[in-house]
Amino acid sequence: MLYNLSNNDGNRIVQTNELIGKKFGLIERLMLNGVKSSRLTVSESSHGIQKIIQSGQHIVFSDIEMRKKGVLIRIISQIEKCYWAIPFYKLTLYKSDNFSIHADGEFIKYNINEITKKNASLVNKIISHRASFFDHSYNFY
């Protein structure tokens, strides 16, 4: 779910919490040793994201927050701010020349140097939390 934050709507917060879960509590955040990335520079994004943030020639930043059932990406340009809520069952991560996050036909790419230096532990937490989410959600035994 990708939406603009220019018009603050309480319904969107409720929908986001239903889709990807509420924020981790203080004790959970301390036990996980952080659930939010530092500020990342977006190197490329899909047409749908570009249309919402209307970046033009401005630098676009974002940060990644892990939630209980998904990931919340805050995308901030000089003009607009938007959220991208991605549940774990739609989340796909790629690491090649760039680090990219894909879901619902949209994507966002980051420079690989930023991810590996500052936020590698968060990416590993997201991958392991996503795997444990599927183990608990789809228990066939």
N, C-alpha and C. Protein backbone atom coordinates (compact mmCIF):
# COMPACT_ATOMS: atom_id res chain seq x y z
N MET A 1 0.85 -1.16 0.00
CA MET A 1 0.00 0.00 0.00
C MET A 1 0.90 1.23 0.00
N LEU A 2 0.79 2.03 -1.00
CA LEU A 2 1.61 3.22 -1.19
C LEU A 2 0.71 4.44 -1.12
N TYR A 3 1.01 5.37 -0.22
CA TYR A 3 0.16 6.55 -0.13
C TYR A 3 0.94 7.78 0.28
N ASN A 4 0.38 8.92 -0.11
CA ASN A 4 0.99 10.21 0.13
C ASN A 4 0.61 10.70 1.53
N LEU A 5 1.53 11.38 2.20
CA LEU A 5 1.27 11.88 3.54
C LEU A 5 0.88 13.35 3.57
N SER A 6 0.70 13.97 2.43
CA SER A 6 0.35 15.39 2.42
C SER A 6 -0.97 15.63 3.14
N ASN A 7 -1.95 14.76 2.88
CA ASN A 7 -3.22 14.87 3.59
C ASN A 7 -3.26 13.77 4.64
N ASN A 8 -3.11 14.15 5.91
CA ASN A 8 -3.03 13.20 7.01
C ASN A 8 -4.41 12.61 7.27
N ASP A 9 -4.52 11.31 7.17
CA ASP A 9 -5.80 10.63 7.32
C ASP A 9 -5.65 9.51 8.35
N GLY A 10 -6.47 9.54 9.39
CA GLY A 10 -6.41 8.53 10.44
C GLY A 10 -6.75 7.14 9.94
N ASN A 11 -7.58 7.05 8.90
CA ASN A 11 -7.94 5.75 8.33
C ASN A 11 -6.72 5.02 7.77
N ARG A 12 -5.81 5.77 7.19
CA ARG A 12 -4.61 5.15 6.60
C ARG A 12 -3.72 4.54 7.67
N ILE A 13 -3.66 5.17 8.84
CA ILE A 13 -2.87 4.61 9.93
C ILE A 13 -3.46 3.29 10.38
N VAL A 14 -4.78 3.23 10.49
CA VAL A 14 -5.46 1.99 10.89
C VAL A 14 -5.24 0.91 9.84
N GLN A 15 -5.36 1.25 8.56
CA GLN A 15 -5.14 0.29 7.48
C GLN A 15 -3.70 -0.22 7.49
N THR A 16 -2.75 0.67 7.72
CA THR A 16 -1.34 0.28 7.77
C THR A 16 -1.09 -0.67 8.93
N ASN A 17 -1.65 -0.37 10.10
CA ASN A 17 -1.46 -1.24 11.26
C ASN A 17 -2.10 -2.61 11.04
N GLU A 18 -3.22 -2.67 10.34
CA GLU A 18 -3.84 -3.97 10.03
C GLU A 18 -3.00 -4.75 9.03
N LEU A 19 -2.40 -4.06 8.08
CA LEU A 19 -1.65 -4.73 7.02
C LEU A 19 -0.29 -5.24 7.49
N ILE A 20 0.48 -4.40 8.17
CA ILE A 20 1.84 -4.79 8.55
C ILE A 20 2.07 -4.84 10.05
N GLY A 21 1.04 -4.64 10.84
CA GLY A 21 1.19 -4.71 12.29
C GLY A 21 1.60 -3.38 12.89
N LYS A 22 1.42 -3.30 14.20
CA LYS A 22 1.80 -2.09 14.92
C LYS A 22 3.31 -2.05 15.12
N LYS A 23 3.79 -0.89 15.54
CA LYS A 23 5.22 -0.74 15.83
C LYS A 23 5.60 -1.68 16.97
N PHE A 24 6.87 -2.06 16.99
CA PHE A 24 7.38 -2.84 18.10
C PHE A 24 7.41 -1.96 19.35
N GLY A 25 7.14 -2.57 20.50
CA GLY A 25 7.23 -1.85 21.75
C GLY A 25 8.68 -1.56 22.11
N LEU A 26 8.87 -0.77 23.15
CA LEU A 26 10.21 -0.36 23.54
C LEU A 26 11.09 -1.56 23.90
N ILE A 27 10.56 -2.48 24.68
CA ILE A 27 11.35 -3.64 25.09
C ILE A 27 11.69 -4.51 23.89
N GLU A 28 10.74 -4.68 22.97
CA GLU A 28 11.00 -5.48 21.76
C GLU A 28 12.07 -4.82 20.90
N ARG A 29 12.01 -3.49 20.78
CA ARG A 29 13.02 -2.78 19.99
C ARG A 29 14.41 -2.92 20.60
N LEU A 30 14.47 -2.88 21.93
CA LEU A 30 15.76 -3.06 22.60
C LEU A 30 16.27 -4.48 22.43
N MET A 31 15.36 -5.46 22.52
CA MET A 31 15.78 -6.85 22.35
C MET A 31 16.26 -7.12 20.93
N LEU A 32 15.62 -6.48 19.95
CA LEU A 32 16.02 -6.65 18.55
C LEU A 32 17.22 -5.77 18.19
N ASN A 33 17.62 -4.89 19.09
CA ASN A 33 18.74 -3.99 18.87
C ASN A 33 18.49 -3.06 17.68
N GLY A 34 17.28 -2.50 17.63
CA GLY A 34 16.92 -1.54 16.59
C GLY A 34 16.09 -2.15 15.49
N VAL A 35 15.08 -1.41 15.03
CA VAL A 35 14.20 -1.89 13.96
C VAL A 35 14.07 -0.88 12.83
N LYS A 36 14.90 0.16 12.84
CA LYS A 36 14.79 1.21 11.84
C LYS A 36 16.17 1.51 11.25
N SER A 37 16.19 1.77 9.96
CA SER A 37 17.46 2.08 9.29
C SER A 37 17.80 3.55 9.46
N SER A 38 19.01 3.88 9.12
CA SER A 38 19.38 5.28 9.03
C SER A 38 18.85 5.82 7.70
N ARG A 39 19.05 7.09 7.45
CA ARG A 39 18.56 7.70 6.22
C ARG A 39 19.33 7.17 5.03
N LEU A 40 18.60 6.72 4.02
CA LEU A 40 19.19 6.15 2.81
C LEU A 40 18.86 7.04 1.61
N THR A 41 19.78 7.12 0.68
CA THR A 41 19.55 7.87 -0.55
C THR A 41 19.01 6.92 -1.62
N VAL A 42 17.88 7.28 -2.20
CA VAL A 42 17.26 6.46 -3.24
C VAL A 42 17.97 6.71 -4.55
N SER A 43 18.46 5.64 -5.18
CA SER A 43 19.14 5.81 -6.46
C SER A 43 18.18 5.69 -7.64
N GLU A 44 17.12 4.90 -7.48
CA GLU A 44 16.14 4.72 -8.55
C GLU A 44 14.85 4.21 -7.94
N SER A 45 13.73 4.55 -8.57
CA SER A 45 12.44 4.04 -8.11
C SER A 45 11.52 3.82 -9.30
N SER A 46 10.46 3.08 -9.06
CA SER A 46 9.52 2.77 -10.14
C SER A 46 8.69 4.00 -10.49
N HIS A 47 7.99 3.91 -11.60
CA HIS A 47 7.19 5.02 -12.09
C HIS A 47 6.08 5.39 -11.11
N GLY A 48 5.47 4.41 -10.48
CA GLY A 48 4.39 4.67 -9.53
C GLY A 48 4.86 5.48 -8.33
N ILE A 49 6.03 5.17 -7.82
CA ILE A 49 6.59 5.92 -6.69
C ILE A 49 7.00 7.31 -7.14
N GLN A 50 7.61 7.42 -8.31
CA GLN A 50 8.02 8.74 -8.82
C GLN A 50 6.82 9.64 -9.02
N LYS A 51 5.71 9.06 -9.46
CA LYS A 51 4.51 9.85 -9.70
C LYS A 51 3.96 10.43 -8.39
N ILE A 52 4.04 9.65 -7.31
CA ILE A 52 3.52 10.13 -6.03
C ILE A 52 4.43 11.19 -5.41
N ILE A 53 5.74 10.95 -5.42
CA ILE A 53 6.64 11.90 -4.75
C ILE A 53 7.01 13.09 -5.62
N GLN A 54 6.81 13.01 -6.91
CA GLN A 54 7.07 14.12 -7.84
C GLN A 54 8.44 14.74 -7.58
N SER A 55 9.47 13.90 -7.60
CA SER A 55 10.80 14.34 -7.18
C SER A 55 11.47 15.28 -8.17
N GLY A 56 11.30 15.05 -9.46
CA GLY A 56 11.99 15.88 -10.44
C GLY A 56 13.49 15.75 -10.30
N GLN A 57 14.16 16.86 -10.03
CA GLN A 57 15.62 16.87 -9.88
C GLN A 57 16.07 16.82 -8.42
N HIS A 58 15.14 16.66 -7.49
CA HIS A 58 15.48 16.68 -6.07
C HIS A 58 16.02 15.33 -5.62
N ILE A 59 16.85 15.35 -4.59
CA ILE A 59 17.36 14.12 -3.99
C ILE A 59 16.25 13.52 -3.15
N VAL A 60 16.10 12.21 -3.25
CA VAL A 60 15.05 11.50 -2.52
C VAL A 60 15.72 10.62 -1.46
N PHE A 61 15.23 10.74 -0.23
CA PHE A 61 15.73 9.94 0.88
C PHE A 61 14.64 9.00 1.35
N SER A 62 15.03 7.96 2.05
CA SER A 62 14.04 7.09 2.67
C SER A 62 14.66 6.39 3.87
N ASP A 63 13.80 5.81 4.67
CA ASP A 63 14.26 4.92 5.74
C ASP A 63 13.33 3.72 5.80
N ILE A 64 13.84 2.65 6.37
CA ILE A 64 13.12 1.38 6.41
C ILE A 64 12.85 1.04 7.86
N GLU A 65 11.61 0.70 8.17
CA GLU A 65 11.24 0.30 9.53
C GLU A 65 10.62 -1.09 9.48
N MET A 66 11.13 -1.99 10.30
CA MET A 66 10.57 -3.34 10.38
C MET A 66 9.39 -3.31 11.34
N ARG A 67 8.28 -3.91 10.92
CA ARG A 67 7.10 -4.05 11.77
C ARG A 67 6.86 -5.54 12.02
N LYS A 68 5.81 -5.86 12.76
CA LYS A 68 5.56 -7.25 13.15
C LYS A 68 5.17 -8.14 11.98
N LYS A 69 4.44 -7.59 11.00
CA LYS A 69 3.99 -8.39 9.86
C LYS A 69 4.47 -7.84 8.53
N GLY A 70 5.45 -6.94 8.55
CA GLY A 70 5.91 -6.36 7.29
C GLY A 70 6.94 -5.27 7.50
N VAL A 71 7.07 -4.44 6.47
CA VAL A 71 8.07 -3.38 6.45
C VAL A 71 7.38 -2.08 6.05
N LEU A 72 7.76 -0.99 6.69
CA LEU A 72 7.26 0.33 6.34
C LEU A 72 8.42 1.16 5.82
N ILE A 73 8.29 1.66 4.60
CA ILE A 73 9.33 2.49 4.00
C ILE A 73 8.79 3.91 3.90
N ARG A 74 9.50 4.84 4.51
CA ARG A 74 9.14 6.25 4.42
C ARG A 74 10.01 6.86 3.33
N ILE A 75 9.37 7.46 2.33
CA ILE A 75 10.08 8.06 1.21
C ILE A 75 9.89 9.57 1.30
N ILE A 76 10.99 10.31 1.33
CA ILE A 76 10.94 11.74 1.58
C ILE A 76 11.70 12.46 0.47
N SER A 77 10.98 13.29 -0.28
CA SER A 77 11.64 14.17 -1.25
C SER A 77 11.52 15.59 -0.70
N GLN A 78 12.04 16.54 -1.42
CA GLN A 78 11.97 17.92 -0.95
C GLN A 78 10.53 18.43 -0.98
N ILE A 79 9.70 17.85 -1.82
CA ILE A 79 8.34 18.32 -1.99
C ILE A 79 7.33 17.46 -1.24
N GLU A 80 7.43 16.16 -1.36
CA GLU A 80 6.41 15.24 -0.85
C GLU A 80 6.99 14.21 0.11
N LYS A 81 6.11 13.63 0.92
CA LYS A 81 6.44 12.49 1.78
C LYS A 81 5.41 11.41 1.53
N CYS A 82 5.86 10.17 1.48
CA CYS A 82 4.91 9.08 1.33
C CYS A 82 5.37 7.86 2.11
N TYR A 83 4.43 6.99 2.41
CA TYR A 83 4.68 5.71 3.07
C TYR A 83 4.44 4.60 2.07
N TRP A 84 5.20 3.54 2.22
CA TRP A 84 4.98 2.32 1.43
C TRP A 84 4.96 1.17 2.42
N ALA A 85 3.79 0.65 2.69
CA ALA A 85 3.61 -0.46 3.63
C ALA A 85 3.63 -1.77 2.83
N ILE A 86 4.57 -2.65 3.18
CA ILE A 86 4.74 -3.91 2.45
C ILE A 86 4.62 -5.07 3.44
N PRO A 87 3.58 -5.90 3.31
CA PRO A 87 3.52 -7.10 4.16
C PRO A 87 4.58 -8.10 3.73
N PHE A 88 4.98 -8.97 4.67
CA PHE A 88 6.06 -9.92 4.38
C PHE A 88 5.74 -10.84 3.20
N TYR A 89 4.47 -11.18 3.00
CA TYR A 89 4.16 -12.11 1.92
C TYR A 89 4.30 -11.48 0.54
N LYS A 90 4.43 -10.16 0.46
CA LYS A 90 4.65 -9.49 -0.83
C LYS A 90 6.08 -8.97 -0.98
N LEU A 91 6.85 -9.00 0.08
CA LEU A 91 8.18 -8.40 0.10
C LEU A 91 9.20 -9.27 -0.64
N THR A 92 9.96 -8.64 -1.53
CA THR A 92 11.06 -9.30 -2.22
C THR A 92 12.28 -8.38 -2.16
N LEU A 93 13.41 -8.93 -1.75
CA LEU A 93 14.65 -8.18 -1.64
C LEU A 93 15.66 -8.72 -2.65
N TYR A 94 16.36 -7.83 -3.35
CA TYR A 94 17.39 -8.22 -4.30
C TYR A 94 18.68 -7.49 -3.97
N LYS A 95 19.79 -8.20 -4.11
CA LYS A 95 21.09 -7.57 -3.94
C LYS A 95 21.93 -7.91 -5.17
N SER A 96 22.23 -6.90 -5.95
CA SER A 96 23.12 -7.06 -7.11
C SER A 96 24.01 -5.82 -7.12
N ASP A 97 24.04 -5.08 -8.22
CA ASP A 97 24.78 -3.82 -8.22
C ASP A 97 24.16 -2.82 -7.26
N ASN A 98 22.85 -2.91 -7.09
CA ASN A 98 22.09 -2.10 -6.15
C ASN A 98 21.35 -3.02 -5.20
N PHE A 99 20.91 -2.47 -4.08
CA PHE A 99 20.01 -3.20 -3.19
C PHE A 99 18.61 -2.70 -3.52
N SER A 100 17.68 -3.60 -3.81
CA SER A 100 16.34 -3.16 -4.20
C SER A 100 15.27 -3.91 -3.43
N ILE A 101 14.16 -3.21 -3.21
CA ILE A 101 12.99 -3.75 -2.55
C ILE A 101 11.86 -3.71 -3.56
N HIS A 102 11.18 -4.84 -3.75
CA HIS A 102 10.10 -4.95 -4.73
C HIS A 102 8.84 -5.45 -4.04
N ALA A 103 7.69 -4.93 -4.48
CA ALA A 103 6.39 -5.42 -4.05
C ALA A 103 5.32 -4.75 -4.90
N ASP A 104 4.28 -5.48 -5.23
CA ASP A 104 3.12 -4.95 -5.96
C ASP A 104 3.49 -4.24 -7.26
N GLY A 105 4.50 -4.70 -7.96
CA GLY A 105 4.89 -4.09 -9.22
C GLY A 105 5.68 -2.81 -9.06
N GLU A 106 5.98 -2.40 -7.85
CA GLU A 106 6.77 -1.21 -7.57
C GLU A 106 8.14 -1.63 -7.04
N PHE A 107 9.11 -0.73 -7.13
CA PHE A 107 10.43 -1.03 -6.57
C PHE A 107 11.11 0.26 -6.15
N ILE A 108 12.09 0.09 -5.30
CA ILE A 108 12.95 1.19 -4.89
C ILE A 108 14.36 0.63 -4.77
N LYS A 109 15.35 1.37 -5.29
CA LYS A 109 16.73 0.89 -5.30
C LYS A 109 17.62 1.84 -4.52
N TYR A 110 18.59 1.23 -3.82
CA TYR A 110 19.56 1.98 -3.03
C TYR A 110 20.97 1.62 -3.48
N ASN A 111 21.90 2.52 -3.26
CA ASN A 111 23.30 2.25 -3.52
C ASN A 111 23.76 1.16 -2.57
N ILE A 112 24.44 0.17 -3.05
CA ILE A 112 24.83 -0.99 -2.25
C ILE A 112 25.78 -0.61 -1.12
N ASN A 113 26.61 0.42 -1.31
CA ASN A 113 27.56 0.82 -0.27
C ASN A 113 26.86 1.31 0.99
N GLU A 114 25.75 2.03 0.83
CA GLU A 114 25.00 2.51 1.99
C GLU A 114 24.40 1.36 2.78
N ILE A 115 23.86 0.38 2.08
CA ILE A 115 23.22 -0.74 2.76
C ILE A 115 24.25 -1.58 3.51
N THR A 116 25.35 -1.90 2.87
CA THR A 116 26.30 -2.81 3.50
C THR A 116 27.00 -2.17 4.69
N LYS A 117 27.28 -0.91 4.62
CA LYS A 117 28.02 -0.28 5.70
C LYS A 117 27.15 0.00 6.92
N LYS A 118 26.01 0.62 6.70
CA LYS A 118 25.23 1.11 7.83
C LYS A 118 24.12 0.16 8.27
N ASN A 119 23.49 -0.50 7.33
CA ASN A 119 22.23 -1.15 7.63
C ASN A 119 22.19 -2.64 7.33
N ALA A 120 23.32 -3.27 7.26
CA ALA A 120 23.35 -4.71 6.96
C ALA A 120 22.66 -5.52 8.04
N SER A 121 22.82 -5.13 9.29
CA SER A 121 22.18 -5.89 10.38
C SER A 121 20.66 -5.79 10.30
N LEU A 122 20.13 -4.62 9.90
CA LEU A 122 18.68 -4.49 9.78
C LEU A 122 18.15 -5.36 8.65
N VAL A 123 18.84 -5.40 7.53
CA VAL A 123 18.41 -6.24 6.41
C VAL A 123 18.41 -7.70 6.82
N ASN A 124 19.43 -8.13 7.56
CA ASN A 124 19.47 -9.51 8.05
C ASN A 124 18.33 -9.79 9.02
N LYS A 125 17.98 -8.81 9.87
CA LYS A 125 16.84 -8.98 10.79
C LYS A 125 15.54 -9.11 10.01
N ILE A 126 15.38 -8.30 8.97
CA ILE A 126 14.16 -8.37 8.16
C ILE A 126 14.04 -9.74 7.51
N ILE A 127 15.14 -10.24 6.97
CA ILE A 127 15.12 -11.56 6.31
C ILE A 127 14.77 -12.65 7.31
N SER A 128 15.39 -12.63 8.49
CA SER A 128 15.11 -13.69 9.48
C SER A 128 13.72 -13.54 10.07
N HIS A 129 13.26 -12.31 10.30
CA HIS A 129 11.91 -12.10 10.83
C HIS A 129 10.86 -12.53 9.81
N ARG A 130 11.13 -12.27 8.54
CA ARG A 130 10.22 -12.69 7.48
C ARG A 130 10.12 -14.22 7.43
N ALA A 131 11.25 -14.90 7.55
CA ALA A 131 11.25 -16.36 7.53
C ALA A 131 10.51 -16.93 8.73
N SER A 132 10.71 -16.36 9.91
CA SER A 132 10.00 -16.86 11.09
C SER A 132 8.52 -16.52 11.02
N PHE A 133 8.15 -15.41 10.37
CA PHE A 133 6.74 -15.07 10.19
C PHE A 133 6.04 -16.14 9.36
N PHE A 134 6.68 -16.60 8.29
CA PHE A 134 6.08 -17.64 7.47
C PHE A 134 6.03 -18.97 8.20
N ASP A 135 7.02 -19.27 9.03
CA ASP A 135 7.00 -20.51 9.80
C ASP A 135 5.82 -20.55 10.76
N HIS A 136 5.51 -19.42 11.40
CA HIS A 136 4.43 -19.37 12.37
C HIS A 136 3.07 -19.19 11.71
N SER A 137 3.02 -18.52 10.57
CA SER A 137 1.74 -18.25 9.91
C SER A 137 1.18 -19.47 9.19
N TYR A 138 2.04 -20.28 8.64
CA TYR A 138 1.61 -21.41 7.83
C TYR A 138 2.08 -22.71 8.46
N ASN A 139 1.57 -22.99 9.64
CA ASN A 139 1.93 -24.21 10.34
C ASN A 139 0.98 -25.32 9.90
N PHE A 140 1.47 -26.27 9.11
CA PHE A 140 0.63 -27.33 8.56
C PHE A 140 0.59 -28.57 9.43
N TYR A 141 1.33 -28.59 10.54
CA TYR A 141 1.37 -29.78 11.38
C TYR A 141 0.63 -29.58 12.67
